[in-house]
Protein backbone atom coordinates (compact mmCIF):
# COMPACT_ATOMS: atom_id res chain seq x y z
CA MET A 1 -16.00 -9.31 3.75
CA SER A 2 -15.52 -10.43 7.08
CA ALA A 3 -12.54 -10.32 9.03
CA THR A 4 -12.08 -14.09 9.05
CA GLN A 5 -12.13 -13.87 5.19
CA PRO A 6 -9.85 -11.53 4.16
CA ILE A 7 -8.74 -10.86 0.35
CA VAL A 8 -5.06 -10.87 0.22
CA LEU A 9 -3.02 -10.24 -3.19
CA PHE A 10 0.36 -11.60 -3.62
CA ARG A 11 3.19 -11.26 -6.09
CA PRO A 12 4.58 -14.67 -6.95
CA HIS A 13 8.38 -15.30 -7.43
CA LEU A 14 9.63 -15.53 -10.74
CA ARG A 15 8.18 -13.65 -13.71
CA SER A 16 4.64 -15.20 -13.97
CA PHE A 17 2.07 -13.97 -11.53
CA ARG A 18 -0.89 -15.39 -9.84
CA LEU A 19 -3.75 -13.67 -8.02
CA LEU A 20 -4.70 -15.60 -4.86
CA LEU A 21 -7.74 -15.57 -2.51
CA MET A 22 -7.12 -16.84 0.76
CA VAL A 23 -10.13 -17.99 2.63
CA ALA A 24 -8.66 -17.65 6.39
CA SER A 25 -10.78 -20.23 8.63
CA LEU A 26 -9.60 -19.62 12.01
CA ILE A 27 -11.47 -22.55 13.34
CA SER A 28 -8.62 -24.90 13.03
CA ALA A 29 -6.28 -25.72 15.68
CA ALA A 30 -3.42 -26.32 13.29
CA HIS A 31 -4.35 -23.11 11.68
CA ALA A 32 -4.38 -24.69 8.32
CA GLN A 33 -5.50 -22.48 5.52
CA THR A 34 -7.29 -23.10 1.99
CA LEU A 35 -5.38 -21.02 -0.88
CA THR A 36 -7.01 -20.91 -4.23
CA THR A 37 -5.35 -19.47 -7.50
CA LEU A 38 -8.18 -17.42 -9.03
CA VAL A 39 -5.83 -15.73 -11.96
CA THR A 40 -2.38 -16.55 -13.07
CA PHE A 41 -0.54 -13.68 -14.75
CA ASP A 42 1.77 -14.16 -17.67
CA VAL A 43 3.11 -10.76 -19.05
CA ASN A 44 0.28 -10.66 -21.72
CA ASN A 45 -2.59 -10.02 -19.26
CA GLY A 46 -0.24 -8.03 -16.85
CA GLU A 47 2.67 -8.66 -14.26
CA LEU A 48 2.94 -7.60 -10.59
CA PRO A 49 -0.62 -7.24 -9.83
CA SER A 50 -1.81 -5.16 -6.53
CA GLY A 51 -4.47 -3.72 -4.33
CA LEU A 52 -8.21 -4.92 -5.14
CA LYS A 53 -11.18 -2.73 -4.51
CA GLN A 54 -14.63 -4.65 -4.48
CA ALA A 55 -17.27 -2.66 -6.38
CA SER A 56 -21.07 -2.75 -5.57
CA SER A 57 -21.53 -5.30 -8.15
CA GLY A 58 -19.10 -7.66 -6.18
CA ASN A 59 -16.46 -7.75 -8.76
CA PHE A 60 -12.94 -6.44 -8.09
CA TYR A 61 -10.81 -4.01 -9.59
CA GLY A 62 -7.03 -3.75 -9.40
CA THR A 63 -3.93 -3.01 -11.42
CA THR A 64 -0.78 -4.60 -12.57
CA SER A 65 2.51 -2.47 -12.61
CA GLU A 66 3.99 -4.01 -15.63
CA GLY A 67 3.11 -6.28 -18.68
CA GLY A 68 -0.03 -6.22 -20.66
CA ALA A 69 -0.46 -4.89 -24.11
CA ASN A 70 2.36 -2.21 -24.00
CA GLY A 71 4.22 -3.45 -21.12
CA ASP A 72 3.48 -0.46 -19.09
CA GLY A 73 0.71 -2.11 -17.02
CA GLU A 74 -3.15 -2.50 -16.90
CA VAL A 75 -6.07 -2.01 -15.09
CA PHE A 76 -8.39 -5.07 -14.71
CA GLU A 77 -11.83 -6.41 -13.33
CA MET A 78 -12.06 -9.59 -11.88
CA THR A 79 -15.22 -11.63 -10.91
CA LEU A 80 -15.35 -13.77 -7.76
CA SER A 81 -14.64 -16.94 -9.53
CA GLY A 82 -11.51 -15.31 -11.57
CA GLY A 83 -12.84 -14.36 -14.78
CA LEU A 84 -10.62 -11.38 -15.64
CA THR A 85 -11.41 -8.49 -18.11
CA ILE A 86 -8.56 -5.88 -18.92
CA LEU A 87 -10.31 -2.67 -18.84
CA HIS A 88 -7.18 -0.39 -19.84
CA SER A 89 -3.57 -0.91 -21.02
CA PHE A 90 -1.14 1.83 -20.21
CA ASP A 91 1.15 2.98 -22.99
CA VAL A 92 3.67 5.54 -21.30
CA SER A 93 1.74 8.66 -23.01
CA ASP A 94 -0.89 8.23 -20.70
CA GLY A 95 1.01 6.46 -17.63
CA ALA A 96 3.13 3.58 -16.55
CA ASP A 97 3.58 1.69 -13.36
CA PRO A 98 -0.10 2.24 -12.06
CA GLY A 99 -0.62 1.76 -8.38
CA GLY A 100 -3.71 0.96 -6.88
CA LEU A 101 -7.10 2.41 -7.09
CA THR A 102 -9.47 4.64 -4.92
CA PRO A 103 -13.38 4.60 -5.84
CA SER A 104 -15.34 7.75 -5.63
CA SER A 105 -18.77 8.63 -7.00
CA GLY A 106 -19.13 5.53 -9.20
CA ASN A 107 -15.45 5.97 -10.90
CA TYR A 108 -11.94 5.05 -10.08
CA TYR A 109 -9.15 7.32 -9.17
CA GLY A 110 -5.44 6.26 -9.46
CA THR A 111 -1.87 7.15 -9.97
CA THR A 112 0.95 6.13 -12.12
CA ALA A 113 4.60 6.22 -10.90
CA ALA A 114 6.00 7.08 -14.30
CA GLY A 115 4.84 7.97 -17.87
CA GLY A 116 2.74 10.57 -18.96
CA ALA A 117 3.32 14.03 -20.33
CA ASN A 118 6.60 14.68 -18.26
CA ASN A 119 7.16 11.05 -17.49
CA ASP A 120 7.03 11.99 -13.72
CA GLY A 121 3.53 10.10 -13.30
CA GLU A 122 0.19 11.00 -13.61
CA VAL A 123 -3.23 11.03 -11.54
CA TYR A 124 -5.98 9.74 -13.74
CA GLU A 125 -9.96 8.80 -13.61
CA MET A 126 -11.53 5.67 -14.89
CA THR A 127 -14.75 4.60 -15.50
CA PRO A 128 -16.11 1.04 -14.71
CA THR A 129 -15.92 0.31 -18.27
CA GLY A 130 -12.40 1.45 -18.51
CA THR A 131 -12.37 4.88 -20.24
CA VAL A 132 -9.45 6.85 -18.63
CA THR A 133 -8.98 10.61 -18.35
CA ILE A 134 -5.88 12.07 -17.38
CA LEU A 135 -6.62 14.65 -14.45
CA HIS A 136 -3.04 15.55 -13.43
CA SER A 137 0.60 15.28 -14.97
CA PHE A 138 3.71 15.69 -12.41
CA ASP A 139 6.53 17.48 -13.80
CA VAL A 140 9.15 16.96 -11.02
CA THR A 141 8.66 20.40 -9.49
CA ASP A 142 5.36 19.33 -7.84
CA GLY A 143 6.61 15.77 -7.54
CA THR A 144 7.33 12.59 -9.20
CA GLN A 145 6.48 9.10 -8.63
CA PRO A 146 3.07 9.48 -6.77
CA GLY A 147 1.58 6.98 -4.77
CA GLY A 148 -1.84 5.88 -3.77
CA LEU A 149 -4.77 8.45 -3.22
CA LYS A 150 -6.89 8.87 0.07
CA LEU A 151 -10.19 10.22 -0.52
CA GLY A 152 -10.88 12.85 2.22
CA SER A 153 -14.01 13.48 4.11
CA ASP A 154 -14.02 16.86 2.27
CA GLY A 155 -14.45 15.30 -1.21
CA ASN A 156 -10.81 16.02 -2.18
CA PHE A 157 -7.93 13.51 -2.66
CA TYR A 158 -4.69 13.21 -0.60
CA GLY A 159 -1.59 11.82 -1.66
CA THR A 160 2.25 11.69 -1.81
CA THR A 161 5.13 11.57 -4.22
CA ALA A 162 8.44 9.52 -3.23
CA ALA A 163 10.61 12.12 -4.92
CA GLY A 164 10.50 15.35 -6.71
CA GLY A 165 9.08 18.63 -5.21
CA ALA A 166 11.05 21.93 -3.87
CA ASP A 167 13.85 19.89 -2.26
CA GLY A 168 13.86 16.59 -4.25
CA ASP A 169 12.56 14.43 -1.12
CA GLY A 170 8.96 14.04 -2.00
CA GLU A 171 5.52 16.08 -1.29
CA VAL A 172 2.11 15.58 0.20
CA PHE A 173 -0.44 17.02 -1.98
CA LYS A 174 -4.10 17.72 -2.17
CA MET A 175 -6.35 17.45 -5.33
CA THR A 176 -9.75 18.25 -6.34
CA PRO A 177 -11.89 15.69 -8.17
CA THR A 178 -11.31 17.79 -11.35
CA GLY A 179 -7.56 17.60 -10.86
CA THR A 180 -6.58 20.93 -9.52
CA LEU A 181 -3.33 20.00 -7.32
CA THR A 182 -2.09 21.71 -4.17
CA VAL A 183 1.14 21.06 -2.63
CA LEU A 184 0.85 20.99 0.97
CA HIS A 185 4.25 19.94 2.05
CA SER A 186 7.78 19.42 0.61
CA PHE A 187 10.10 17.15 2.29
CA ASP A 188 13.63 18.37 2.81
CA SER A 189 15.45 15.44 4.28
CA SER A 190 15.38 16.86 7.96
CA ASP A 191 11.91 16.09 8.17
CA GLY A 192 12.10 12.93 6.31
CA SER A 193 12.41 11.85 2.77
CA HIS A 194 10.71 9.56 0.09
CA PRO A 195 7.09 9.13 2.01
CA SER A 196 5.71 5.52 1.37
CA GLY A 197 2.75 3.61 2.22
CA GLY A 198 0.20 6.43 1.43
CA LEU A 199 -1.65 8.37 3.85
CA THR A 200 -4.32 7.64 6.34
CA GLN A 201 -6.91 10.37 7.64
CA GLY A 202 -7.39 9.93 11.35
CA THR A 203 -10.46 10.48 13.26
CA ASP A 204 -9.09 14.04 14.27
CA GLY A 205 -9.62 14.89 10.37
CA ASN A 206 -5.85 15.12 9.83
CA TYR A 207 -3.65 13.16 7.87
CA TYR A 208 -0.77 10.48 8.82
CA GLY A 209 1.74 8.92 7.14
CA THR A 210 5.47 7.65 6.88
CA THR A 211 8.47 8.52 5.09
CA SER A 212 11.04 5.72 4.54
CA SER A 213 14.34 7.52 5.14
CA TYR A 214 16.24 10.47 6.75
CA GLY A 215 14.43 12.64 9.33
CA PRO A 216 15.39 13.22 12.97
CA GLY A 217 16.65 9.66 13.59
CA GLY A 218 17.93 9.30 9.96
CA TYR A 219 15.90 6.07 8.98
CA GLY A 220 12.26 7.47 8.61
CA THR A 221 9.52 9.14 10.06
CA VAL A 222 5.90 9.28 11.28
CA PHE A 223 4.33 12.62 10.38
CA ARG A 224 0.84 14.54 10.67
CA ILE A 225 -0.45 16.93 7.99
CA THR A 226 -3.73 18.90 8.32
CA PRO A 227 -5.81 19.36 5.35
CA THR A 228 -4.36 22.87 5.05
CA GLY A 229 -0.83 21.97 5.21
CA THR A 230 0.23 22.51 8.80
CA PHE A 231 3.00 19.87 9.24
CA THR A 232 4.18 18.05 12.28
CA THR A 233 7.06 15.29 12.51
CA LEU A 234 5.62 12.73 15.43
CA TYR A 235 8.42 10.29 15.49
CA GLY A 236 11.89 9.90 13.85
CA PHE A 237 13.24 6.44 13.73
CA GLY A 238 16.72 5.42 14.25
CA LEU A 239 19.23 2.67 13.42
CA THR A 240 17.15 -0.03 15.30
CA GLU A 241 13.78 0.50 13.69
CA GLN A 242 13.99 1.16 10.03
CA GLN A 243 12.06 2.16 6.89
CA PRO A 244 8.63 2.66 8.37
CA SER A 245 5.77 2.00 5.51
CA GLY A 246 2.14 2.90 5.90
CA LEU A 247 -0.18 3.38 8.88
CA LEU A 248 -3.84 2.63 9.82
CA GLN A 249 -5.44 3.75 12.70
CA SER A 250 -7.10 1.15 14.82
CA THR A 251 -11.09 1.16 15.65
CA ILE A 252 -10.54 -0.27 18.82
CA ASP A 253 -8.11 1.82 20.54
CA GLY A 254 -7.56 4.95 18.52
CA ASN A 255 -3.93 4.30 17.96
CA PHE A 256 -2.14 3.99 14.63
CA TYR A 257 -0.23 0.63 13.54
CA GLY A 258 2.68 0.16 11.21
CA VAL A 259 5.37 -1.92 9.97
CA THR A 260 9.13 -1.22 9.57
CA VAL A 261 10.47 -3.16 6.71
CA GLU A 262 13.99 -3.66 8.07
CA GLY A 263 15.52 -3.24 11.98
CA GLY A 264 13.70 -4.42 15.19
CA ALA A 265 15.34 -6.64 17.66
CA ASN A 266 16.55 -9.41 15.08
CA GLY A 267 17.02 -7.07 11.95
CA ASP A 268 14.02 -8.62 10.03
CA GLY A 269 11.51 -5.78 10.55
CA SER A 270 8.87 -4.91 13.13
CA VAL A 271 5.27 -4.04 13.89
CA TYR A 272 4.70 -0.87 16.15
CA LYS A 273 2.14 1.12 17.74
CA ILE A 274 2.26 4.96 17.90
CA THR A 275 -0.21 7.13 19.80
CA PRO A 276 -1.75 10.14 18.34
CA SER A 277 0.91 12.36 20.08
CA GLY A 278 3.85 10.34 18.67
CA VAL A 279 4.80 7.70 21.54
CA VAL A 280 5.92 4.77 19.67
CA THR A 281 6.05 1.04 21.23
CA VAL A 282 7.49 -1.96 19.17
CA ILE A 283 4.97 -4.92 19.66
CA HIS A 284 6.55 -7.24 17.64
CA SER A 285 10.11 -8.11 16.25
CA PHE A 286 10.17 -10.57 13.43
CA ASP A 287 12.92 -13.28 13.24
CA VAL A 288 13.05 -14.86 10.13
CA THR A 289 11.11 -17.96 11.32
CA ASP A 290 8.02 -16.24 11.54
CA GLY A 291 8.77 -13.97 8.72
CA ALA A 292 10.94 -11.17 7.55
CA PHE A 293 10.42 -7.79 5.81
CA PRO A 294 6.74 -7.19 7.01
CA ALA A 295 4.53 -5.43 3.74
CA GLY A 296 1.71 -3.73 5.67
CA LEU A 297 -1.16 -4.45 7.93
CA ILE A 298 -4.96 -4.57 7.90
CA GLU A 299 -7.21 -4.73 10.90
CA GLY A 300 -10.06 -7.19 11.14
CA THR A 301 -13.42 -6.79 12.77
CA ASP A 302 -12.23 -9.35 15.20
CA GLY A 303 -10.00 -6.85 16.57
CA ASN A 304 -6.84 -8.61 15.23
CA PHE A 305 -4.44 -7.40 12.49
CA TYR A 306 -3.54 -9.23 9.28
CA GLY A 307 -0.46 -9.16 7.31
CA THR A 308 2.13 -10.38 5.33
CA THR A 309 5.96 -10.92 5.19
CA LYS A 310 7.97 -10.82 1.94
CA ASP A 311 10.49 -13.48 3.12
CA GLY A 312 11.28 -15.76 6.14
CA GLY A 313 8.95 -18.38 7.26
CA ALA A 314 9.00 -22.28 7.06
CA ASN A 315 9.84 -22.29 3.53
CA GLY A 316 11.76 -18.73 3.18
CA ASP A 317 9.33 -17.26 0.79
CA GLY A 318 7.21 -15.28 3.07
CA GLU A 319 3.97 -15.84 5.21
CA VAL A 320 0.51 -14.70 5.98
CA PHE A 321 -0.10 -13.79 9.79
CA LYS A 322 -2.52 -12.79 12.14
CA MET A 323 -1.53 -10.51 15.34
CA THR A 324 -3.37 -9.46 18.28
CA SER A 325 -2.96 -6.15 19.40
CA ALA A 326 -0.28 -7.27 21.96
CA GLY A 327 1.85 -8.39 19.37
CA ALA A 328 1.10 -12.23 19.63
CA ILE A 329 1.70 -13.80 15.91
CA ILE A 330 -0.26 -16.70 14.55
CA LEU A 331 1.11 -17.81 11.24
CA LEU A 332 -1.81 -18.66 8.76
CA HIS A 333 0.26 -19.79 5.73
CA SER A 334 3.68 -20.00 4.53
CA PHE A 335 4.37 -19.61 0.64
CA ASP A 336 7.08 -21.97 -0.99
CA VAL A 337 7.47 -20.17 -4.60
CA THR A 338 4.81 -22.72 -6.01
CA ASP A 339 2.15 -20.63 -4.72
CA GLY A 340 3.57 -17.51 -4.57
CA GLU A 341 5.69 -14.96 -2.79
CA PRO A 342 4.05 -11.92 -1.30
CA ARG A 343 5.28 -8.50 -2.13
């Protein structure tokens, strides 16, 4: 996909859900966008869809965290025209509340935040036709509520759990493709708690991530961890910037970019830049009119960033925005409940 045609997945308001394809034509001076509904979710085929991955076939794979045959979420395949096939329905015994998928060696790897043998979540492998194999069952001692997986350059998977572990504040783990799990770091509130937004591998081979709370400033951290578990807190957020969630490393300048869900100059969240050594610069503070409570970024090949806000904007139901590396915001679409509300 080109940077001017990003696939964006939204979670609509209320209890029926739509999967939307936004074709962002940046030619119009008014920045008007074409929004097409591809699939409407209705509890029977799943609720709360999240992150799509496009396969070599051109089809997309994704998950719903709730709904489906057993109410515990689904894995689905979708064609470009919106044809939907349910590949697997979770049933608590093999997990519940699945997150995003990570492709590797022709199969897909993912986590469930709950369910499984100990009701603390699972890591699973799924074939393109929907056969699921449980690779690891969490049991609180090694974490609970696992988030998404990052495939490392060494062929192993790296991830976090939002809670559990030695001190109950979450873990960073490494897992082989066959399911052998090693805890690399246990958070203890002094260095952060409740990691969120997953991990990203830097060009230096290390992994970078965020915790949503605690740490030196009390309101979350940015951290770096080596593949062998050497851990460094790079930055502690204070009252002015709160709840960081997720990072990406820019291919343009090598810095990391992320969002804080709350805080900023107006209390509605912010976008910040952090150097690999930990120097933070806030480059945009949302103010309700251009959105509130941002939900992560992607970098386009045009050098700009794209993202969504959960609330605010023209109708109060969230926005899709484009942002330059200097922090200038261009609003691409304002939701109005009838066409969804991003999450």
